[in-house]
Amino acid sequence: MKQSVLTRYRVMAYVTAVMLLVLCACMVAKYGFETGEGLTLVVSQIHGVLFMIYLVFAFDLGSKMKWSFGKLLWVLISGTIPTAAFFVERQVVREAGPLIADGSPQAVKA
């Protein structure tokens, strides 16, 4: 597997996770303090687009690493849980590191 596949996933995992935290802060401001409605709309739309890109890159990585359906689903869903993508990204990098160094494709256990 190429390093670029993992790098794309890592970048989008971090960007999506940060944007989700920003969106959560905007939602607290909107519904808790009744301010920032326009900002919340913009941030939610940006996060939605970035999340779709994250799904594509995570699915690409999962298909190249031959993940089980459950593992792939967990990685895809982690982008919807605040801070989960940070932890899942670290786990994925630990599992993918040997595959990139070897250059030989192997299935990763869930």
PDB file of N, CA and C in Angstrom:
ATOM      1  N   MET A   1       0.839  -1.171   0.000  1.00  0.00           N
ATOM      2  CA  MET A   1       0.000   0.000   0.000  1.00  0.00           C
ATOM      3  C   MET A   1       0.890   1.242   0.000  1.00  0.00           C
ATOM      4  N   LYS A   2       0.470   2.267  -0.678  1.00  0.00           N
ATOM      5  CA  LYS A   2       1.243   3.495  -0.785  1.00  0.00           C
ATOM      6  C   LYS A   2       1.029   4.374   0.447  1.00  0.00           C
ATOM      7  N   GLN A   3       2.060   5.123   0.762  1.00  0.00           N
ATOM      8  CA  GLN A   3       2.011   6.056   1.886  1.00  0.00           C
ATOM      9  C   GLN A   3       0.962   7.136   1.650  1.00  0.00           C
ATOM     10  N   SER A   4       0.737   7.523   0.397  1.00  0.00           N
ATOM     11  CA  SER A   4      -0.193   8.614   0.097  1.00  0.00           C
ATOM     12  C   SER A   4      -1.629   8.276   0.499  1.00  0.00           C
ATOM     13  N   VAL A   5      -2.009   7.004   0.417  1.00  0.00           N
ATOM     14  CA  VAL A   5      -3.359   6.607   0.812  1.00  0.00           C
ATOM     15  C   VAL A   5      -3.553   6.854   2.300  1.00  0.00           C
ATOM     16  N   LEU A   6      -2.568   6.491   3.087  1.00  0.00           N
ATOM     17  CA  LEU A   6      -2.650   6.704   4.531  1.00  0.00           C
ATOM     18  C   LEU A   6      -2.584   8.193   4.868  1.00  0.00           C
ATOM     19  N   THR A   7      -1.755   8.933   4.175  1.00  0.00           N
ATOM     20  CA  THR A   7      -1.631  10.366   4.437  1.00  0.00           C
ATOM     21  C   THR A   7      -2.931  11.099   4.145  1.00  0.00           C
ATOM     22  N   ARG A   8      -3.586  10.765   3.027  1.00  0.00           N
ATOM     23  CA  ARG A   8      -4.883  11.392   2.711  1.00  0.00           C
ATOM     24  C   ARG A   8      -5.887  11.137   3.816  1.00  0.00           C
ATOM     25  N   TYR A   9      -5.938   9.880   4.271  1.00  0.00           N
ATOM     26  CA  TYR A   9      -6.871   9.528   5.340  1.00  0.00           C
ATOM     27  C   TYR A   9      -6.550  10.312   6.613  1.00  0.00           C
ATOM     28  N   ARG A  10      -5.277  10.368   6.990  1.00  0.00           N
ATOM     29  CA  ARG A  10      -4.885  11.047   8.223  1.00  0.00           C
ATOM     30  C   ARG A  10      -5.253  12.529   8.190  1.00  0.00           C
ATOM     31  N   VAL A  11      -4.980  13.185   7.083  1.00  0.00           N
ATOM     32  CA  VAL A  11      -5.290  14.611   6.967  1.00  0.00           C
ATOM     33  C   VAL A  11      -6.796  14.830   7.098  1.00  0.00           C
ATOM     34  N   MET A  12      -7.571  14.022   6.396  1.00  0.00           N
ATOM     35  CA  MET A  12      -9.021  14.211   6.450  1.00  0.00           C
ATOM     36  C   MET A  12      -9.588  13.822   7.810  1.00  0.00           C
ATOM     37  N   ALA A  13      -8.994  12.857   8.481  1.00  0.00           N
ATOM     38  CA  ALA A  13      -9.463  12.482   9.818  1.00  0.00           C
ATOM     39  C   ALA A  13      -9.282  13.657  10.780  1.00  0.00           C
ATOM     40  N   TYR A  14      -8.114  14.291  10.739  1.00  0.00           N
ATOM     41  CA  TYR A  14      -7.872  15.430  11.620  1.00  0.00           C
ATOM     42  C   TYR A  14      -8.748  16.623  11.252  1.00  0.00           C
ATOM     43  N   VAL A  15      -8.843  16.932   9.981  1.00  0.00           N
ATOM     44  CA  VAL A  15      -9.647  18.084   9.558  1.00  0.00           C
ATOM     45  C   VAL A  15     -11.109  17.866   9.918  1.00  0.00           C
ATOM     46  N   THR A  16     -11.629  16.686   9.674  1.00  0.00           N
ATOM     47  CA  THR A  16     -13.022  16.390   9.984  1.00  0.00           C
ATOM     48  C   THR A  16     -13.262  16.441  11.489  1.00  0.00           C
ATOM     49  N   ALA A  17     -12.341  15.912  12.281  1.00  0.00           N
ATOM     50  CA  ALA A  17     -12.504  15.922  13.737  1.00  0.00           C
ATOM     51  C   ALA A  17     -12.478  17.345  14.295  1.00  0.00           C
ATOM     52  N   VAL A  18     -11.569  18.161  13.792  1.00  0.00           N
ATOM     53  CA  VAL A  18     -11.500  19.546  14.250  1.00  0.00           C
ATOM     54  C   VAL A  18     -12.759  20.304  13.848  1.00  0.00           C
ATOM     55  N   MET A  19     -13.210  20.112  12.624  1.00  0.00           N
ATOM     56  CA  MET A  19     -14.425  20.794  12.179  1.00  0.00           C
ATOM     57  C   MET A  19     -15.648  20.338  12.969  1.00  0.00           C
ATOM     58  N   LEU A  20     -15.684  19.076  13.374  1.00  0.00           N
ATOM     59  CA  LEU A  20     -16.802  18.600  14.188  1.00  0.00           C
ATOM     60  C   LEU A  20     -16.783  19.265  15.560  1.00  0.00           C
ATOM     61  N   LEU A  21     -15.602  19.457  16.127  1.00  0.00           N
ATOM     62  CA  LEU A  21     -15.512  20.166  17.405  1.00  0.00           C
ATOM     63  C   LEU A  21     -15.935  21.626  17.261  1.00  0.00           C
ATOM     64  N   VAL A  22     -15.544  22.257  16.171  1.00  0.00           N
ATOM     65  CA  VAL A  22     -15.965  23.638  15.911  1.00  0.00           C
ATOM     66  C   VAL A  22     -17.487  23.688  15.737  1.00  0.00           C
ATOM     67  N   LEU A  23     -18.040  22.718  15.031  1.00  0.00           N
ATOM     68  CA  LEU A  23     -19.492  22.667  14.840  1.00  0.00           C
ATOM     69  C   LEU A  23     -20.203  22.481  16.175  1.00  0.00           C
ATOM     70  N   CYS A  24     -19.666  21.650  17.044  1.00  0.00           N
ATOM     71  CA  CYS A  24     -20.270  21.464  18.372  1.00  0.00           C
ATOM     72  C   CYS A  24     -20.263  22.767  19.157  1.00  0.00           C
ATOM     73  N   ALA A  25     -19.161  23.502  19.094  1.00  0.00           N
ATOM     74  CA  ALA A  25     -19.085  24.794  19.780  1.00  0.00           C
ATOM     75  C   ALA A  25     -20.095  25.780  19.194  1.00  0.00           C
ATOM     76  N   CYS A  26     -20.255  25.767  17.882  1.00  0.00           N
ATOM     77  CA  CYS A  26     -21.239  26.641  17.239  1.00  0.00           C
ATOM     78  C   CYS A  26     -22.660  26.271  17.644  1.00  0.00           C
ATOM     79  N   MET A  27     -22.920  24.976  17.773  1.00  0.00           N
ATOM     80  CA  MET A  27     -24.262  24.533  18.172  1.00  0.00           C
ATOM     81  C   MET A  27     -24.562  24.952  19.616  1.00  0.00           C
ATOM     82  N   VAL A  28     -23.565  24.883  20.483  1.00  0.00           N
ATOM     83  CA  VAL A  28     -23.750  25.343  21.865  1.00  0.00           C
ATOM     84  C   VAL A  28     -24.048  26.839  21.871  1.00  0.00           C
ATOM     85  N   ALA A  29     -23.320  27.605  21.061  1.00  0.00           N
ATOM     86  CA  ALA A  29     -23.558  29.044  20.989  1.00  0.00           C
ATOM     87  C   ALA A  29     -24.944  29.342  20.428  1.00  0.00           C
ATOM     88  N   LYS A  30     -25.345  28.585  19.412  1.00  0.00           N
ATOM     89  CA  LYS A  30     -26.636  28.834  18.766  1.00  0.00           C
ATOM     90  C   LYS A  30     -27.799  28.498  19.692  1.00  0.00           C
ATOM     91  N   TYR A  31     -27.774  27.313  20.277  1.00  0.00           N
ATOM     92  CA  TYR A  31     -28.918  26.884  21.069  1.00  0.00           C
ATOM     93  C   TYR A  31     -28.802  27.247  22.547  1.00  0.00           C
ATOM     94  N   GLY A  32     -27.594  27.411  23.051  1.00  0.00           N
ATOM     95  CA  GLY A  32     -27.427  27.757  24.459  1.00  0.00           C
ATOM     96  C   GLY A  32     -27.469  29.244  24.716  1.00  0.00           C
ATOM     97  N   PHE A  33     -26.923  30.016  23.778  1.00  0.00           N
ATOM     98  CA  PHE A  33     -26.831  31.450  23.981  1.00  0.00           C
ATOM     99  C   PHE A  33     -27.549  32.255  22.901  1.00  0.00           C
ATOM    100  N   GLU A  34     -28.223  31.574  22.004  1.00  0.00           N
ATOM    101  CA  GLU A  34     -29.012  32.194  20.928  1.00  0.00           C
ATOM    102  C   GLU A  34     -28.211  33.230  20.141  1.00  0.00           C
ATOM    103  N   THR A  35     -27.009  32.831  19.747  1.00  0.00           N
ATOM    104  CA  THR A  35     -26.174  33.702  18.934  1.00  0.00           C
ATOM    105  C   THR A  35     -25.396  32.851  17.924  1.00  0.00           C
ATOM    106  N   GLY A  36     -24.987  33.445  16.832  1.00  0.00           N
ATOM    107  CA  GLY A  36     -24.151  32.759  15.856  1.00  0.00           C
ATOM    108  C   GLY A  36     -24.893  31.809  14.937  1.00  0.00           C
ATOM    109  N   GLU A  37     -26.141  32.137  14.599  1.00  0.00           N
ATOM    110  CA  GLU A  37     -26.920  31.249  13.727  1.00  0.00           C
ATOM    111  C   GLU A  37     -26.320  31.160  12.330  1.00  0.00           C
ATOM    112  N   GLY A  38     -25.874  32.265  11.795  1.00  0.00           N
ATOM    113  CA  GLY A  38     -25.270  32.267  10.456  1.00  0.00           C
ATOM    114  C   GLY A  38     -23.953  31.500  10.415  1.00  0.00           C
ATOM    115  N   LEU A  39     -23.144  31.669  11.447  1.00  0.00           N
ATOM    116  CA  LEU A  39     -21.873  30.955  11.527  1.00  0.00           C
ATOM    117  C   LEU A  39     -22.107  29.450  11.627  1.00  0.00           C
ATOM    118  N   THR A  40     -23.111  29.063  12.393  1.00  0.00           N
ATOM    119  CA  THR A  40     -23.423  27.642  12.542  1.00  0.00           C
ATOM    120  C   THR A  40     -23.821  27.032  11.202  1.00  0.00           C
ATOM    121  N   LEU A  41     -24.575  27.768  10.419  1.00  0.00           N
ATOM    122  CA  LEU A  41     -24.983  27.276   9.101  1.00  0.00           C
ATOM    123  C   LEU A  41     -23.766  27.066   8.201  1.00  0.00           C
ATOM    124  N   VAL A  42     -22.867  28.014   8.174  1.00  0.00           N
ATOM    125  CA  VAL A  42     -21.672  27.915   7.328  1.00  0.00           C
ATOM    126  C   VAL A  42     -20.778  26.761   7.787  1.00  0.00           C
ATOM    127  N   VAL A  43     -20.534  26.660   9.081  1.00  0.00           N
ATOM    128  CA  VAL A  43     -19.665  25.614   9.613  1.00  0.00           C
ATOM    129  C   VAL A  43     -20.276  24.241   9.365  1.00  0.00           C
ATOM    130  N   SER A  44     -21.586  24.119   9.512  1.00  0.00           N
ATOM    131  CA  SER A  44     -22.232  22.817   9.289  1.00  0.00           C
ATOM    132  C   SER A  44     -22.133  22.381   7.832  1.00  0.00           C
ATOM    133  N   GLN A  45     -22.251  23.308   6.918  1.00  0.00           N
ATOM    134  CA  GLN A  45     -22.128  22.960   5.505  1.00  0.00           C
ATOM    135  C   GLN A  45     -20.696  22.583   5.148  1.00  0.00           C
ATOM    136  N   ILE A  46     -19.732  23.307   5.680  1.00  0.00           N
ATOM    137  CA  ILE A  46     -18.330  22.974   5.425  1.00  0.00           C
ATOM    138  C   ILE A  46     -18.007  21.604   6.007  1.00  0.00           C
ATOM    139  N   HIS A  47     -18.465  21.353   7.234  1.00  0.00           N
ATOM    140  CA  HIS A  47     -18.217  20.047   7.849  1.00  0.00           C
ATOM    141  C   HIS A  47     -18.862  18.925   7.033  1.00  0.00           C
ATOM    142  N   GLY A  48     -20.050  19.167   6.512  1.00  0.00           N
ATOM    143  CA  GLY A  48     -20.724  18.143   5.706  1.00  0.00           C
ATOM    144  C   GLY A  48     -19.929  17.757   4.466  1.00  0.00           C
ATOM    145  N   VAL A  49     -19.399  18.738   3.778  1.00  0.00           N
ATOM    146  CA  VAL A  49     -18.595  18.468   2.582  1.00  0.00           C
ATOM    147  C   VAL A  49     -17.307  17.740   2.961  1.00  0.00           C
ATOM    148  N   LEU A  50     -16.648  18.220   4.008  1.00  0.00           N
ATOM    149  CA  LEU A  50     -15.404  17.573   4.439  1.00  0.00           C
ATOM    150  C   LEU A  50     -15.653  16.146   4.923  1.00  0.00           C
ATOM    151  N   PHE A  51     -16.792  15.909   5.565  1.00  0.00           N
ATOM    152  CA  PHE A  51     -17.111  14.570   6.034  1.00  0.00           C
ATOM    153  C   PHE A  51     -17.320  13.616   4.861  1.00  0.00           C
ATOM    154  N   MET A  52     -17.934  14.091   3.791  1.00  0.00           N
ATOM    155  CA  MET A  52     -18.104  13.237   2.609  1.00  0.00           C
ATOM    156  C   MET A  52     -16.744  12.870   2.004  1.00  0.00           C
ATOM    157  N   ILE A  53     -15.821  13.812   1.974  1.00  0.00           N
ATOM    158  CA  ILE A  53     -14.470  13.525   1.474  1.00  0.00           C
ATOM    159  C   ILE A  53     -13.783  12.522   2.400  1.00  0.00           C
ATOM    160  N   TYR A  54     -13.954  12.699   3.708  1.00  0.00           N
ATOM    161  CA  TYR A  54     -13.398  11.761   4.686  1.00  0.00           C
ATOM    162  C   TYR A  54     -13.932  10.350   4.450  1.00  0.00           C
ATOM    163  N   LEU A  55     -15.216  10.222   4.183  1.00  0.00           N
ATOM    164  CA  LEU A  55     -15.797   8.902   3.926  1.00  0.00           C
ATOM    165  C   LEU A  55     -15.152   8.233   2.721  1.00  0.00           C
ATOM    166  N   VAL A  56     -14.930   8.989   1.667  1.00  0.00           N
ATOM    167  CA  VAL A  56     -14.307   8.436   0.461  1.00  0.00           C
ATOM    168  C   VAL A  56     -12.892   7.964   0.761  1.00  0.00           C
ATOM    169  N   PHE A  57     -12.103   8.790   1.456  1.00  0.00           N
ATOM    170  CA  PHE A  57     -10.716   8.420   1.747  1.00  0.00           C
ATOM    171  C   PHE A  57     -10.635   7.261   2.730  1.00  0.00           C
ATOM    172  N   ALA A  58     -11.527   7.225   3.719  1.00  0.00           N
ATOM    173  CA  ALA A  58     -11.527   6.118   4.683  1.00  0.00           C
ATOM    174  C   ALA A  58     -11.937   4.817   4.001  1.00  0.00           C
ATOM    175  N   PHE A  59     -12.922   4.895   3.106  1.00  0.00           N
ATOM    176  CA  PHE A  59     -13.340   3.695   2.379  1.00  0.00           C
ATOM    177  C   PHE A  59     -12.215   3.205   1.469  1.00  0.00           C
ATOM    178  N   ASP A  60     -11.515   4.118   0.831  1.00  0.00           N
ATOM    179  CA  ASP A  60     -10.383   3.749  -0.022  1.00  0.00           C
ATOM    180  C   ASP A  60      -9.300   3.046   0.793  1.00  0.00           C
ATOM    181  N   LEU A  61      -8.964   3.610   1.948  1.00  0.00           N
ATOM    182  CA  LEU A  61      -7.963   2.989   2.811  1.00  0.00           C
ATOM    183  C   LEU A  61      -8.429   1.613   3.287  1.00  0.00           C
ATOM    184  N   GLY A  62      -9.690   1.526   3.687  1.00  0.00           N
ATOM    185  CA  GLY A  62     -10.226   0.255   4.168  1.00  0.00           C
ATOM    186  C   GLY A  62     -10.235  -0.826   3.110  1.00  0.00           C
ATOM    187  N   SER A  63     -10.518  -0.459   1.893  1.00  0.00           N
ATOM    188  CA  SER A  63     -10.526  -1.460   0.822  1.00  0.00           C
ATOM    189  C   SER A  63      -9.107  -1.916   0.494  1.00  0.00           C
ATOM    190  N   LYS A  64      -8.143  -1.011   0.589  1.00  0.00           N
ATOM    191  CA  LYS A  64      -6.751  -1.389   0.320  1.00  0.00           C
ATOM    192  C   LYS A  64      -6.157  -2.220   1.454  1.00  0.00           C
ATOM    193  N   MET A  65      -6.632  -2.002   2.688  1.00  0.00           N
ATOM    194  CA  MET A  65      -6.134  -2.769   3.831  1.00  0.00           C
ATOM    195  C   MET A  65      -6.970  -4.024   4.083  1.00  0.00           C
ATOM    196  N   LYS A  66      -8.018  -4.207   3.290  1.00  0.00           N
ATOM    197  CA  LYS A  66      -8.881  -5.387   3.392  1.00  0.00           C
ATOM    198  C   LYS A  66      -9.478  -5.538   4.788  1.00  0.00           C
ATOM    199  N   TRP A  67     -10.086  -4.436   5.274  1.00  0.00           N
ATOM    200  CA  TRP A  67     -10.741  -4.455   6.572  1.00  0.00           C
ATOM    201  C   TRP A  67     -12.038  -5.237   6.493  1.00  0.00           C
ATOM    202  N   SER A  68     -12.457  -5.769   7.635  1.00  0.00           N
ATOM    203  CA  SER A  68     -13.775  -6.394   7.716  1.00  0.00           C
ATOM    204  C   SER A  68     -14.832  -5.276   7.677  1.00  0.00           C
ATOM    205  N   PHE A  69     -16.078  -5.665   7.442  1.00  0.00           N
ATOM    206  CA  PHE A  69     -17.149  -4.677   7.358  1.00  0.00           C
ATOM    207  C   PHE A  69     -17.295  -3.923   8.677  1.00  0.00           C
ATOM    208  N   GLY A  70     -17.173  -4.630   9.797  1.00  0.00           N
ATOM    209  CA  GLY A  70     -17.315  -3.996  11.102  1.00  0.00           C
ATOM    210  C   GLY A  70     -16.254  -2.940  11.362  1.00  0.00           C
ATOM    211  N   LYS A  71     -15.022  -3.250  11.022  1.00  0.00           N
ATOM    212  CA  LYS A  71     -13.928  -2.293  11.220  1.00  0.00           C
ATOM    213  C   LYS A  71     -14.110  -1.082  10.313  1.00  0.00           C
ATOM    214  N   LEU A  72     -14.472  -1.333   9.063  1.00  0.00           N
ATOM    215  CA  LEU A  72     -14.701  -0.227   8.134  1.00  0.00           C
ATOM    216  C   LEU A  72     -15.835   0.658   8.635  1.00  0.00           C
ATOM    217  N   LEU A  73     -16.901   0.061   9.113  1.00  0.00           N
ATOM    218  CA  LEU A  73     -18.040   0.824   9.627  1.00  0.00           C
ATOM    219  C   LEU A  73     -17.621   1.666  10.831  1.00  0.00           C
ATOM    220  N   TRP A  74     -16.823   1.097  11.737  1.00  0.00           N
ATOM    221  CA  TRP A  74     -16.357   1.844  12.898  1.00  0.00           C
ATOM    222  C   TRP A  74     -15.511   3.044  12.481  1.00  0.00           C
ATOM    223  N   VAL A  75     -14.623   2.868  11.510  1.00  0.00           N
ATOM    224  CA  VAL A  75     -13.783   3.974  11.049  1.00  0.00           C
ATOM    225  C   VAL A  75     -14.646   5.051  10.383  1.00  0.00           C
ATOM    226  N   LEU A  76     -15.635   4.646   9.620  1.00  0.00           N
ATOM    227  CA  LEU A  76     -16.508   5.614   8.967  1.00  0.00           C
ATOM    228  C   LEU A  76     -17.355   6.377   9.984  1.00  0.00           C
ATOM    229  N   ILE A  77     -17.869   5.694  10.973  1.00  0.00           N
ATOM    230  CA  ILE A  77     -18.729   6.330  11.976  1.00  0.00           C
ATOM    231  C   ILE A  77     -17.927   7.208  12.931  1.00  0.00           C
ATOM    232  N   SER A  78     -16.652   6.916  13.104  1.00  0.00           N
ATOM    233  CA  SER A  78     -15.846   7.697  14.042  1.00  0.00           C
ATOM    234  C   SER A  78     -15.779   9.175  13.660  1.00  0.00           C
ATOM    235  N   GLY A  79     -16.044   9.496  12.428  1.00  0.00           N
ATOM    236  CA  GLY A  79     -16.067  10.893  12.001  1.00  0.00           C
ATOM    237  C   GLY A  79     -17.293  11.646  12.470  1.00  0.00           C
ATOM    238  N   THR A  80     -18.260  10.949  13.059  1.00  0.00           N
ATOM    239  CA  THR A  80     -19.474  11.596  13.545  1.00  0.00           C
ATOM    240  C   THR A  80     -19.478  11.773  15.052  1.00  0.00           C
ATOM    241  N   ILE A  81     -18.501  11.194  15.747  1.00  0.00           N
ATOM    242  CA  ILE A  81     -18.431  11.274  17.203  1.00  0.00           C
ATOM    243  C   ILE A  81     -17.300  12.229  17.565  1.00  0.00           C
ATOM    244  N   PRO A  82     -17.603  13.320  18.270  1.00  0.00           N
ATOM    245  CA  PRO A  82     -16.546  14.271  18.605  1.00  0.00           C
ATOM    246  C   PRO A  82     -15.374  13.594  19.314  1.00  0.00           C
ATOM    247  N   THR A  83     -14.198  13.861  18.888  1.00  0.00           N
ATOM    248  CA  THR A  83     -12.889  13.373  19.363  1.00  0.00           C
ATOM    249  C   THR A  83     -12.611  11.899  19.036  1.00  0.00           C
ATOM    250  N   ALA A  84     -13.575  11.126  18.587  1.00  0.00           N
ATOM    251  CA  ALA A  84     -13.332   9.708  18.286  1.00  0.00           C
ATOM    252  C   ALA A  84     -12.372   9.541  17.115  1.00  0.00           C
ATOM    253  N   ALA A  85     -12.457  10.414  16.137  1.00  0.00           N
ATOM    254  CA  ALA A  85     -11.607  10.286  14.951  1.00  0.00           C
ATOM    255  C   ALA A  85     -10.127  10.418  15.307  1.00  0.00           C
ATOM    256  N   PHE A  86      -9.801  11.191  16.351  1.00  0.00           N
ATOM    257  CA  PHE A  86      -8.404  11.315  16.764  1.00  0.00           C
ATOM    258  C   PHE A  86      -7.857   9.965  17.236  1.00  0.00           C
ATOM    259  N   PHE A  87      -8.644   9.261  18.038  1.00  0.00           N
ATOM    260  CA  PHE A  87      -8.200   7.979  18.588  1.00  0.00           C
ATOM    261  C   PHE A  87      -8.196   6.869  17.534  1.00  0.00           C
ATOM    262  N   VAL A  88      -9.207   6.851  16.688  1.00  0.00           N
ATOM    263  CA  VAL A  88      -9.278   5.839  15.637  1.00  0.00           C
ATOM    264  C   VAL A  88      -8.159   6.039  14.628  1.00  0.00           C
ATOM    265  N   GLU A  89      -7.830   7.299  14.331  1.00  0.00           N
ATOM    266  CA  GLU A  89      -6.746   7.585  13.386  1.00  0.00           C
ATOM    267  C   GLU A  89      -5.424   7.037  13.909  1.00  0.00           C
ATOM    268  N   ARG A  90      -5.157   7.191  15.195  1.00  0.00           N
ATOM    269  CA  ARG A  90      -3.914   6.666  15.775  1.00  0.00           C
ATOM    270  C   ARG A  90      -3.856   5.144  15.651  1.00  0.00           C
ATOM    271  N   GLN A  91      -4.982   4.492  15.913  1.00  0.00           N
ATOM    272  CA  GLN A  91      -5.033   3.035  15.825  1.00  0.00           C
ATOM    273  C   GLN A  91      -4.808   2.577  14.382  1.00  0.00           C
ATOM    274  N   VAL A  92      -5.415   3.262  13.438  1.00  0.00           N
ATOM    275  CA  VAL A  92      -5.265   2.907  12.024  1.00  0.00           C
ATOM    276  C   VAL A  92      -3.814   3.080  11.584  1.00  0.00           C
ATOM    277  N   VAL A  93      -3.163   4.153  12.013  1.00  0.00           N
ATOM    278  CA  VAL A  93      -1.768   4.391  11.634  1.00  0.00           C
ATOM    279  C   VAL A  93      -0.871   3.296  12.203  1.00  0.00           C
ATOM    280  N   ARG A  94      -1.113   2.872  13.446  1.00  0.00           N
ATOM    281  CA  ARG A  94      -0.323   1.790  14.036  1.00  0.00           C
ATOM    282  C   ARG A  94      -0.475   0.495  13.245  1.00  0.00           C
ATOM    283  N   GLU A  95      -1.687   0.214  12.769  1.00  0.00           N
ATOM    284  CA  GLU A  95      -1.930  -1.010  12.011  1.00  0.00           C
ATOM    285  C   GLU A  95      -1.388  -0.923  10.586  1.00  0.00           C
ATOM    286  N   ALA A  96      -1.438   0.266  10.005  1.00  0.00           N
ATOM    287  CA  ALA A  96      -1.028   0.417   8.611  1.00  0.00           C
ATOM    288  C   ALA A  96       0.472   0.603   8.459  1.00  0.00           C
ATOM    289  N   GLY A  97       1.161   1.016   9.501  1.00  0.00           N
ATOM    290  CA  GLY A  97       2.601   1.258   9.429  1.00  0.00           C
ATOM    291  C   GLY A  97       3.393   0.072   8.901  1.00  0.00           C
ATOM    292  N   PRO A  98       3.215  -1.117   9.459  1.00  0.00           N
ATOM    293  CA  PRO A  98       3.958  -2.278   8.947  1.00  0.00           C
ATOM    294  C   PRO A  98       3.619  -2.637   7.504  1.00  0.00           C
ATOM    295  N   LEU A  99       2.397  -2.378   7.085  1.00  0.00           N
ATOM    296  CA  LEU A  99       1.999  -2.701   5.710  1.00  0.00           C
ATOM    297  C   LEU A  99       2.696  -1.790   4.715  1.00  0.00           C
ATOM    298  N   ILE A 100       2.946  -0.572   5.107  1.00  0.00           N
ATOM    299  CA  ILE A 100       3.629   0.369   4.215  1.00  0.00           C
ATOM    300  C   ILE A 100       5.114   0.054   4.175  1.00  0.00           C
ATOM    301  N   ALA A 101       5.681  -0.290   5.316  1.00  0.00           N
ATOM    302  CA  ALA A 101       7.108  -0.599   5.373  1.00  0.00           C
ATOM    303  C   ALA A 101       7.433  -1.873   4.597  1.00  0.00           C
ATOM    304  N   ASP A 102       6.585  -2.913   4.756  1.00  0.00           N
ATOM    305  CA  ASP A 102       6.808  -4.175   4.054  1.00  0.00           C
ATOM    306  C   ASP A 102       6.564  -4.045   2.560  1.00  0.00           C
ATOM    307  N   GLY A 103       5.448  -3.410   2.247  1.00  0.00           N
ATOM    308  CA  GLY A 103       5.043  -3.354   0.854  1.00  0.00           C
ATOM    309  C   GLY A 103       4.228  -4.562   0.449  1.00  0.00           C
ATOM    310  N   SER A 104       4.002  -5.504   1.361  1.00  0.00           N
ATOM    311  CA  SER A 104       3.218  -6.687   1.047  1.00  0.00           C
ATOM    312  C   SER A 104       1.814  -6.529   1.634  1.00  0.00           C
ATOM    313  N   PRO A 105       0.771  -6.740   0.817  1.00  0.00           N
ATOM    314  CA  PRO A 105      -0.594  -6.586   1.314  1.00  0.00           C
ATOM    315  C   PRO A 105      -0.953  -7.733   2.260  1.00  0.00           C
ATOM    316  N   GLN A 106      -1.525  -7.358   3.402  1.00  0.00           N
ATOM    317  CA  GLN A 106      -1.995  -8.320   4.376  1.00  0.00           C
ATOM    318  C   GLN A 106      -3.317  -7.843   4.924  1.00  0.00           C
ATOM    319  N   ALA A 107      -4.154  -8.778   5.337  1.00  0.00           N
ATOM    320  CA  ALA A 107      -5.435  -8.428   5.927  1.00  0.00           C
ATOM    321  C   ALA A 107      -5.213  -8.009   7.379  1.00  0.00           C
ATOM    322  N   VAL A 108      -5.940  -6.976   7.815  1.00  0.00           N
ATOM    323  CA  VAL A 108      -5.848  -6.488   9.173  1.00  0.00           C
ATOM    324  C   VAL A 108      -7.031  -7.049   9.941  1.00  0.00           C
ATOM    325  N   LYS A 109      -6.772  -7.588  11.122  1.00  0.00           N
ATOM    326  CA  LYS A 109      -7.844  -8.152  11.935  1.00  0.00           C
ATOM    327  C   LYS A 109      -8.599  -7.059  12.636  1.00  0.00           C
ATOM    328  N   ALA A 110      -9.906  -7.229  12.755  1.00  0.00           N
ATOM    329  CA  ALA A 110     -10.749  -6.231  13.397  1.00  0.00           C
ATOM    330  C   ALA A 110     -10.618  -6.265  14.897  1.00  0.00           C
TER     331      ALA A 110
END
